[in-house]
C-alpha atoms as a PDB file:
ATOM      1  CA  UNK A   1     -30.864  -1.312 -56.963  1.00  0.00           C
ATOM      2  CA  UNK A   2     -28.196  -1.892 -54.352  1.00  0.00           C
ATOM      3  CA  UNK A   3     -27.473  -5.005 -52.373  1.00  0.00           C
ATOM      4  CA  UNK A   4     -27.787  -5.308 -48.600  1.00  0.00           C
ATOM      5  CA  UNK A   5     -25.033  -7.284 -46.912  1.00  0.00           C
ATOM      6  CA  UNK A   6     -25.790  -8.536 -43.398  1.00  0.00           C
ATOM      7  CA  UNK A   7     -22.904  -9.865 -41.299  1.00  0.00           C
ATOM      8  CA  UNK A   8     -23.538 -12.147 -38.341  1.00  0.00           C
ATOM      9  CA  UNK A   9     -21.326 -10.789 -35.536  1.00  0.00           C
ATOM     10  CA  UNK A  10     -21.480 -14.185 -33.747  1.00  0.00           C
ATOM     11  CA  UNK A  11     -21.553 -12.739 -30.212  1.00  0.00           C
ATOM     12  CA  UNK A  12     -20.696 -14.767 -27.119  1.00  0.00           C
ATOM     13  CA  UNK A  13     -21.353 -13.648 -23.534  1.00  0.00           C
ATOM     14  CA  UNK A  14     -19.257 -15.292 -20.824  1.00  0.00           C
ATOM     15  CA  UNK A  15     -20.316 -16.066 -17.262  1.00  0.00           C
ATOM     16  CA  UNK A  16     -17.914 -13.357 -16.072  1.00  0.00           C
ATOM     17  CA  UNK A  17     -19.644 -10.612 -18.075  1.00  0.00           C
ATOM     18  CA  UNK A  18     -17.382 -10.369 -21.111  1.00  0.00           C
ATOM     19  CA  UNK A  19     -18.899  -9.946 -24.568  1.00  0.00           C
ATOM     20  CA  UNK A  20     -16.837 -11.364 -27.427  1.00  0.00           C
ATOM     21  CA  UNK A  21     -18.090 -10.486 -30.875  1.00  0.00           C
ATOM     22  CA  UNK A  22     -17.220  -9.198 -34.311  1.00  0.00           C
ATOM     23  CA  UNK A  23     -17.629  -5.471 -34.910  1.00  0.00           C
ATOM     24  CA  UNK A  24     -18.436  -4.227 -31.410  1.00  0.00           C
ATOM     25  CA  UNK A  25     -17.160  -0.936 -32.860  1.00  0.00           C
ATOM     26  CA  UNK A  26     -19.662   0.576 -33.012  1.00  0.00           C
ATOM     27  CA  UNK A  27     -22.523  -1.894 -32.537  1.00  0.00           C
ATOM     28  CA  UNK A  28     -21.943  -1.686 -28.785  1.00  0.00           C
ATOM     29  CA  UNK A  29     -22.233   2.107 -28.838  1.00  0.00           C
ATOM     30  CA  UNK A  30     -25.480   1.890 -30.810  1.00  0.00           C
ATOM     31  CA  UNK A  31     -26.817  -0.646 -28.289  1.00  0.00           C
ATOM     32  CA  UNK A  32     -26.066   1.732 -25.415  1.00  0.00           C
ATOM     33  CA  UNK A  33     -27.933   4.548 -27.169  1.00  0.00           C
ATOM     34  CA  UNK A  34     -30.949   2.323 -27.817  1.00  0.00           C
ATOM     35  CA  UNK A  35     -30.970   1.155 -24.188  1.00  0.00           C
ATOM     36  CA  UNK A  36     -30.896   4.778 -23.027  1.00  0.00           C
ATOM     37  CA  UNK A  37     -33.779   5.663 -25.354  1.00  0.00           C
ATOM     38  CA  UNK A  38     -35.830   2.728 -24.071  1.00  0.00           C
ATOM     39  CA  UNK A  39     -35.322   3.973 -20.515  1.00  0.00           C
ATOM     40  CA  UNK A  40     -36.432   7.489 -21.483  1.00  0.00           C
ATOM     41  CA  UNK A  41     -39.514   6.115 -23.224  1.00  0.00           C
ATOM     42  CA  UNK A  42     -40.502   4.203 -20.089  1.00  0.00           C
ATOM     43  CA  UNK A  43     -39.975   6.992 -17.544  1.00  0.00           C
ATOM     44  CA  UNK A  44     -40.786   9.977 -19.808  1.00  0.00           C
ATOM     45  CA  UNK A  45     -38.757  12.592 -17.897  1.00  0.00           C
ATOM     46  CA  UNK A  46     -38.926  16.286 -18.767  1.00  0.00           C
ATOM     47  CA  UNK A  47     -35.766  16.963 -20.743  1.00  0.00           C
ATOM     48  CA  UNK A  48     -34.298  20.454 -20.236  1.00  0.00           C
ATOM     49  CA  UNK A  49     -33.337  20.806 -23.924  1.00  0.00           C
ATOM     50  CA  UNK A  50     -34.099  19.072 -27.215  1.00  0.00           C
ATOM     51  CA  UNK A  51     -31.917  16.032 -27.773  1.00  0.00           C
ATOM     52  CA  UNK A  52     -31.287  14.482 -31.206  1.00  0.00           C
ATOM     53  CA  UNK A  53     -29.839  10.963 -31.375  1.00  0.00           C
ATOM     54  CA  UNK A  54     -27.856  10.327 -34.551  1.00  0.00           C
ATOM     55  CA  UNK A  55     -26.580   7.079 -36.035  1.00  0.00           C
ATOM     56  CA  UNK A  56     -23.867   7.958 -38.530  1.00  0.00           C
ATOM     57  CA  UNK A  57     -21.457   6.105 -40.804  1.00  0.00           C
ATOM     58  CA  UNK A  58     -17.964   6.666 -42.182  1.00  0.00           C
ATOM     59  CA  UNK A  59     -16.753   8.945 -39.412  1.00  0.00           C
ATOM     60  CA  UNK A  60     -13.176   7.776 -39.950  1.00  0.00           C
ATOM     61  CA  UNK A  61     -13.039   9.014 -43.538  1.00  0.00           C
ATOM     62  CA  UNK A  62     -14.585  12.413 -42.935  1.00  0.00           C
ATOM     63  CA  UNK A  63     -18.378  12.202 -43.356  1.00  0.00           C
ATOM     64  CA  UNK A  64     -19.950  11.106 -40.060  1.00  0.00           C
ATOM     65  CA  UNK A  65     -21.894  13.998 -38.509  1.00  0.00           C
ATOM     66  CA  UNK A  66     -20.792  16.506 -41.149  1.00  0.00           C
ATOM     67  CA  UNK A  67     -24.165  17.069 -42.823  1.00  0.00           C
ATOM     68  CA  UNK A  68     -26.983  16.129 -40.453  1.00  0.00           C
ATOM     69  CA  UNK A  69     -26.832  18.637 -37.595  1.00  0.00           C
ATOM     70  CA  UNK A  70     -29.467  21.328 -37.085  1.00  0.00           C
ATOM     71  CA  UNK A  71     -28.296  24.918 -36.882  1.00  0.00           C
ATOM     72  CA  UNK A  72     -29.460  25.263 -33.280  1.00  0.00           C
ATOM     73  CA  UNK A  73     -27.365  22.385 -31.891  1.00  0.00           C
ATOM     74  CA  UNK A  74     -24.982  23.646 -29.196  1.00  0.00           C
ATOM     75  CA  UNK A  75     -23.322  20.393 -28.066  1.00  0.00           C
ATOM     76  CA  UNK A  76     -22.343  17.111 -29.674  1.00  0.00           C
ATOM     77  CA  UNK A  77     -21.226  14.098 -27.646  1.00  0.00           C
ATOM     78  CA  UNK A  78     -19.794  11.387 -29.889  1.00  0.00           C
ATOM     79  CA  UNK A  79     -19.886   7.729 -28.817  1.00  0.00           C
ATOM     80  CA  UNK A  80     -17.163   5.433 -30.096  1.00  0.00           C
ATOM     81  CA  UNK A  81     -14.792   2.689 -29.041  1.00  0.00           C
ATOM     82  CA  UNK A  82     -11.752   3.327 -26.878  1.00  0.00           C
ATOM     83  CA  UNK A  83      -9.280   0.613 -27.772  1.00  0.00           C
ATOM     84  CA  UNK A  84      -7.233  -0.719 -24.873  1.00  0.00           C
ATOM     85  CA  UNK A  85      -3.557  -0.920 -25.799  1.00  0.00           C
ATOM     86  CA  UNK A  86      -0.077  -0.166 -24.424  1.00  0.00           C
ATOM     87  CA  UNK A  87       0.170   3.554 -23.767  1.00  0.00           C
ATOM     88  CA  UNK A  88      -3.618   3.984 -23.513  1.00  0.00           C
ATOM     89  CA  UNK A  89      -5.570   4.617 -20.293  1.00  0.00           C
ATOM     90  CA  UNK A  90      -8.867   2.986 -21.345  1.00  0.00           C
ATOM     91  CA  UNK A  91     -10.032  -0.277 -19.817  1.00  0.00           C
ATOM     92  CA  UNK A  92     -12.861  -2.734 -20.391  1.00  0.00           C
ATOM     93  CA  UNK A  93     -14.763  -1.979 -17.181  1.00  0.00           C
ATOM     94  CA  UNK A  94     -15.459   1.782 -17.284  1.00  0.00           C
ATOM     95  CA  UNK A  95     -16.727   4.529 -19.517  1.00  0.00           C
ATOM     96  CA  UNK A  96     -13.806   6.513 -20.925  1.00  0.00           C
ATOM     97  CA  UNK A  97     -14.062  10.277 -21.429  1.00  0.00           C
ATOM     98  CA  UNK A  98     -11.883  11.252 -24.371  1.00  0.00           C
ATOM     99  CA  UNK A  99      -9.678  14.331 -23.982  1.00  0.00           C
ATOM    100  CA  UNK A 100      -8.882  14.445 -27.689  1.00  0.00           C
ATOM    101  CA  UNK A 101      -8.432  12.419 -30.872  1.00  0.00           C
ATOM    102  CA  UNK A 102      -6.042  12.713 -33.818  1.00  0.00           C
ATOM    103  CA  UNK A 103      -7.669  15.995 -34.886  1.00  0.00           C
ATOM    104  CA  UNK A 104      -7.071  17.712 -31.548  1.00  0.00           C
ATOM    105  CA  UNK A 105      -8.687  18.280 -28.130  1.00  0.00           C
ATOM    106  CA  UNK A 106     -12.412  18.360 -27.459  1.00  0.00           C
ATOM    107  CA  UNK A 107     -14.252  21.239 -25.807  1.00  0.00           C
ATOM    108  CA  UNK A 108     -12.807  21.776 -22.331  1.00  0.00           C
ATOM    109  CA  UNK A 109     -16.033  22.885 -20.659  1.00  0.00           C
ATOM    110  CA  UNK A 110     -18.235  20.093 -22.040  1.00  0.00           C
ATOM    111  CA  UNK A 111     -15.593  17.467 -21.298  1.00  0.00           C
ATOM    112  CA  UNK A 112     -15.177  18.689 -17.726  1.00  0.00           C
ATOM    113  CA  UNK A 113     -18.967  18.750 -17.379  1.00  0.00           C
ATOM    114  CA  UNK A 114     -19.174  15.060 -18.290  1.00  0.00           C
ATOM    115  CA  UNK A 115     -16.314  14.186 -15.950  1.00  0.00           C
ATOM    116  CA  UNK A 116     -18.012  16.042 -13.109  1.00  0.00           C
ATOM    117  CA  UNK A 117     -21.247  14.232 -13.831  1.00  0.00           C
ATOM    118  CA  UNK A 118     -19.536  10.837 -13.653  1.00  0.00           C
ATOM    119  CA  UNK A 119     -17.761  11.766 -10.419  1.00  0.00           C
ATOM    120  CA  UNK A 120     -20.907  13.158  -8.750  1.00  0.00           C
ATOM    121  CA  UNK A 121     -22.982  10.100  -9.633  1.00  0.00           C
ATOM    122  CA  UNK A 122     -20.373   7.447  -8.869  1.00  0.00           C
ATOM    123  CA  UNK A 123     -20.001   6.169 -12.436  1.00  0.00           C
ATOM    124  CA  UNK A 124     -16.698   4.303 -13.013  1.00  0.00           C
ATOM    125  CA  UNK A 125     -14.748   6.306 -15.588  1.00  0.00           C
ATOM    126  CA  UNK A 126     -11.323   6.945 -17.028  1.00  0.00           C
ATOM    127  CA  UNK A 127      -9.697   9.557 -19.251  1.00  0.00           C
ATOM    128  CA  UNK A 128      -7.730   8.966 -22.414  1.00  0.00           C
ATOM    129  CA  UNK A 129      -6.341  10.573 -25.576  1.00  0.00           C
ATOM    130  CA  UNK A 130      -6.825   8.737 -28.864  1.00  0.00           C
ATOM    131  CA  UNK A 131      -3.985   9.726 -31.164  1.00  0.00           C
ATOM    132  CA  UNK A 132      -4.686   7.345 -34.030  1.00  0.00           C
ATOM    133  CA  UNK A 133      -8.376   7.743 -34.836  1.00  0.00           C
ATOM    134  CA  UNK A 134     -11.032  10.373 -35.380  1.00  0.00           C
ATOM    135  CA  UNK A 135     -14.684  10.457 -34.293  1.00  0.00           C
ATOM    136  CA  UNK A 136     -17.883  12.185 -35.406  1.00  0.00           C
ATOM    137  CA  UNK A 137     -16.965  15.312 -33.467  1.00  0.00           C
ATOM    138  CA  UNK A 138     -14.129  16.061 -35.900  1.00  0.00           C
ATOM    139  CA  UNK A 139     -16.305  15.918 -39.016  1.00  0.00           C
ATOM    140  CA  UNK A 140     -18.971  18.076 -37.361  1.00  0.00           C
ATOM    141  CA  UNK A 141     -16.462  20.833 -36.576  1.00  0.00           C
ATOM    142  CA  UNK A 142     -14.742  20.573 -39.963  1.00  0.00           C
ATOM    143  CA  UNK A 143     -18.121  21.045 -41.652  1.00  0.00           C
ATOM    144  CA  UNK A 144     -18.360  24.477 -40.022  1.00  0.00           C
ATOM    145  CA  UNK A 145     -20.686  23.752 -37.098  1.00  0.00           C
ATOM    146  CA  UNK A 146     -20.191  26.123 -34.163  1.00  0.00           C
ATOM    147  CA  UNK A 147     -20.662  23.557 -31.386  1.00  0.00           C
ATOM    148  CA  UNK A 148     -18.991  22.168 -28.316  1.00  0.00           C
ATOM    149  CA  UNK A 149     -17.800  18.593 -28.766  1.00  0.00           C
ATOM    150  CA  UNK A 150     -16.918  15.712 -26.454  1.00  0.00           C
ATOM    151  CA  UNK A 151     -16.291  11.981 -26.742  1.00  0.00           C
ATOM    152  CA  UNK A 152     -17.482   9.057 -24.615  1.00  0.00           C
ATOM    153  CA  UNK A 153     -16.122   5.582 -25.301  1.00  0.00           C
ATOM    154  CA  UNK A 154     -16.213   2.004 -24.082  1.00  0.00           C
ATOM    155  CA  UNK A 155     -12.845   0.295 -23.628  1.00  0.00           C
ATOM    156  CA  UNK A 156     -12.657  -2.556 -26.124  1.00  0.00           C
ATOM    157  CA  UNK A 157      -9.897  -5.060 -26.771  1.00  0.00           C
ATOM    158  CA  UNK A 158      -9.060  -4.958 -30.511  1.00  0.00           C
ATOM    159  CA  UNK A 159     -11.093  -3.283 -33.249  1.00  0.00           C
ATOM    160  CA  UNK A 160     -12.426  -3.947 -36.759  1.00  0.00           C
ATOM    161  CA  UNK A 161     -12.545  -7.688 -36.286  1.00  0.00           C
ATOM    162  CA  UNK A 162     -12.991  -9.952 -33.276  1.00  0.00           C
ATOM    163  CA  UNK A 163     -13.377  -7.713 -30.247  1.00  0.00           C
ATOM    164  CA  UNK A 164     -14.028  -8.001 -26.515  1.00  0.00           C
ATOM    165  CA  UNK A 165     -15.769  -5.744 -24.007  1.00  0.00           C
ATOM    166  CA  UNK A 166     -17.115  -6.179 -20.485  1.00  0.00           C
ATOM    167  CA  UNK A 167     -20.730  -5.349 -19.702  1.00  0.00           C
ATOM    168  CA  UNK A 168     -19.575  -3.072 -16.859  1.00  0.00           C
ATOM    169  CA  UNK A 169     -18.204  -0.593 -19.410  1.00  0.00           C
ATOM    170  CA  UNK A 170     -21.429  -0.651 -21.415  1.00  0.00           C
ATOM    171  CA  UNK A 171     -23.519  -0.074 -18.287  1.00  0.00           C
ATOM    172  CA  UNK A 172     -21.298   2.830 -17.216  1.00  0.00           C
ATOM    173  CA  UNK A 173     -21.488   4.389 -20.686  1.00  0.00           C
ATOM    174  CA  UNK A 174     -25.269   4.024 -20.824  1.00  0.00           C
ATOM    175  CA  UNK A 175     -25.705   5.562 -17.372  1.00  0.00           C
ATOM    176  CA  UNK A 176     -23.588   8.571 -18.281  1.00  0.00           C
ATOM    177  CA  UNK A 177     -25.433   9.118 -21.573  1.00  0.00           C
ATOM    178  CA  UNK A 178     -28.765   8.919 -19.758  1.00  0.00           C
ATOM    179  CA  UNK A 179     -27.676  11.467 -17.163  1.00  0.00           C
ATOM    180  CA  UNK A 180     -26.257  13.791 -19.807  1.00  0.00           C
ATOM    181  CA  UNK A 181     -29.450  14.043 -21.886  1.00  0.00           C
ATOM    182  CA  UNK A 182     -31.399  14.878 -18.715  1.00  0.00           C
ATOM    183  CA  UNK A 183     -29.030  17.678 -17.708  1.00  0.00           C
ATOM    184  CA  UNK A 184     -28.974  21.338 -18.770  1.00  0.00           C
ATOM    185  CA  UNK A 185     -26.314  22.523 -21.242  1.00  0.00           C
ATOM    186  CA  UNK A 186     -22.755  22.710 -19.974  1.00  0.00           C
ATOM    187  CA  UNK A 187     -22.706  26.493 -20.561  1.00  0.00           C
ATOM    188  CA  UNK A 188     -26.012  28.318 -20.081  1.00  0.00           C
ATOM    189  CA  UNK A 189     -25.196  31.196 -22.439  1.00  0.00           C
ATOM    190  CA  UNK A 190     -24.922  28.814 -25.398  1.00  0.00           C
ATOM    191  CA  UNK A 191     -28.618  29.355 -26.146  1.00  0.00           C
ATOM    192  CA  UNK A 192     -27.540  32.648 -27.711  1.00  0.00           C
ATOM    193  CA  UNK A 193     -26.077  32.586 -31.205  1.00  0.00           C
ATOM    194  CA  UNK A 194     -23.581  35.311 -30.235  1.00  0.00           C
ATOM    195  CA  UNK A 195     -23.556  36.139 -26.542  1.00  0.00           C
ATOM    196  CA  UNK A 196     -22.026  39.084 -24.677  1.00  0.00           C
ATOM    197  CA  UNK A 197     -18.764  38.856 -22.777  1.00  0.00           C
ATOM    198  CA  UNK A 198     -20.742  38.698 -19.525  1.00  0.00           C
ATOM    199  CA  UNK A 199     -21.186  35.092 -18.507  1.00  0.00           C
ATOM    200  CA  UNK A 200     -18.295  33.843 -20.639  1.00  0.00           C
ATOM    201  CA  UNK A 201     -17.175  30.566 -19.030  1.00  0.00           C
ATOM    202  CA  UNK A 202     -13.837  30.840 -17.280  1.00  0.00           C
ATOM    203  CA  UNK A 203     -13.915  27.695 -15.181  1.00  0.00           C
ATOM    204  CA  UNK A 204     -15.580  24.360 -15.763  1.00  0.00           C
ATOM    205  CA  UNK A 205     -19.276  24.114 -14.789  1.00  0.00           C
ATOM    206  CA  UNK A 206     -20.076  21.787 -11.933  1.00  0.00           C
ATOM    207  CA  UNK A 207     -22.733  19.136 -12.285  1.00  0.00           C
ATOM    208  CA  UNK A 208     -25.234  19.092  -9.442  1.00  0.00           C
ATOM    209  CA  UNK A 209     -27.373  15.940  -9.402  1.00  0.00           C
ATOM    210  CA  UNK A 210     -31.031  16.836  -9.768  1.00  0.00           C
ATOM    211  CA  UNK A 211     -33.628  15.632  -7.319  1.00  0.00           C
ATOM    212  CA  UNK A 212     -35.857  14.758 -10.243  1.00  0.00           C
ATOM    213  CA  UNK A 213     -35.998  11.108 -11.213  1.00  0.00           C
ATOM    214  CA  UNK A 214     -33.279  10.263 -13.694  1.00  0.00           C
ATOM    215  CA  UNK A 215     -33.068   7.393 -16.143  1.00  0.00           C
ATOM    216  CA  UNK A 216     -30.085   5.143 -15.463  1.00  0.00           C
ATOM    217  CA  UNK A 217     -30.382   1.888 -17.447  1.00  0.00           C
ATOM    218  CA  UNK A 218     -28.600  -0.990 -15.768  1.00  0.00           C
ATOM    219  CA  UNK A 219     -29.222  -3.884 -18.159  1.00  0.00           C
END
């Protein structure tokens, strides 16, 4: 029988909207996912495709999403922290769309799709490259999954200890996740296991906001 160790993160929320806590990486990302799911449960929109929400562990040492994906999954959007530091473009007030991590770049079409979605819907966002860490997307690809990958992060000051984030970044991240799961795939032909050359994506798809009601959590 194993032991369960629970650590009190001792969070503090300031009057200016900052959250100071231990281990916001990746408790904050999990909180954004749960908030998005609560919004979907309340509104019950018709999702264009099946969406599986995963909570993984040990992504930095190679396991992560390496063994839990279904064979029919076409896209994976990882959620992680985007540490603010000299030489980085992340901040504590926006969602950051990752261009790549230490294992290489993410899928161009899916990444551009998310950027277009943020731009079309007025969601504060930034772009960054994370040269010194890896996310779940890397382990999923290394395990042999034929999927498009992307990364969304919240800009956090420090990591693996006492950390700080502003609620604006968490709201922006949650809004973008909620919009993404209610949108069609970035590339329509991905529903085919091996598609013809016709329809092969040459340029990035453009996100067109739907007139249907969308879930955009704001708390």
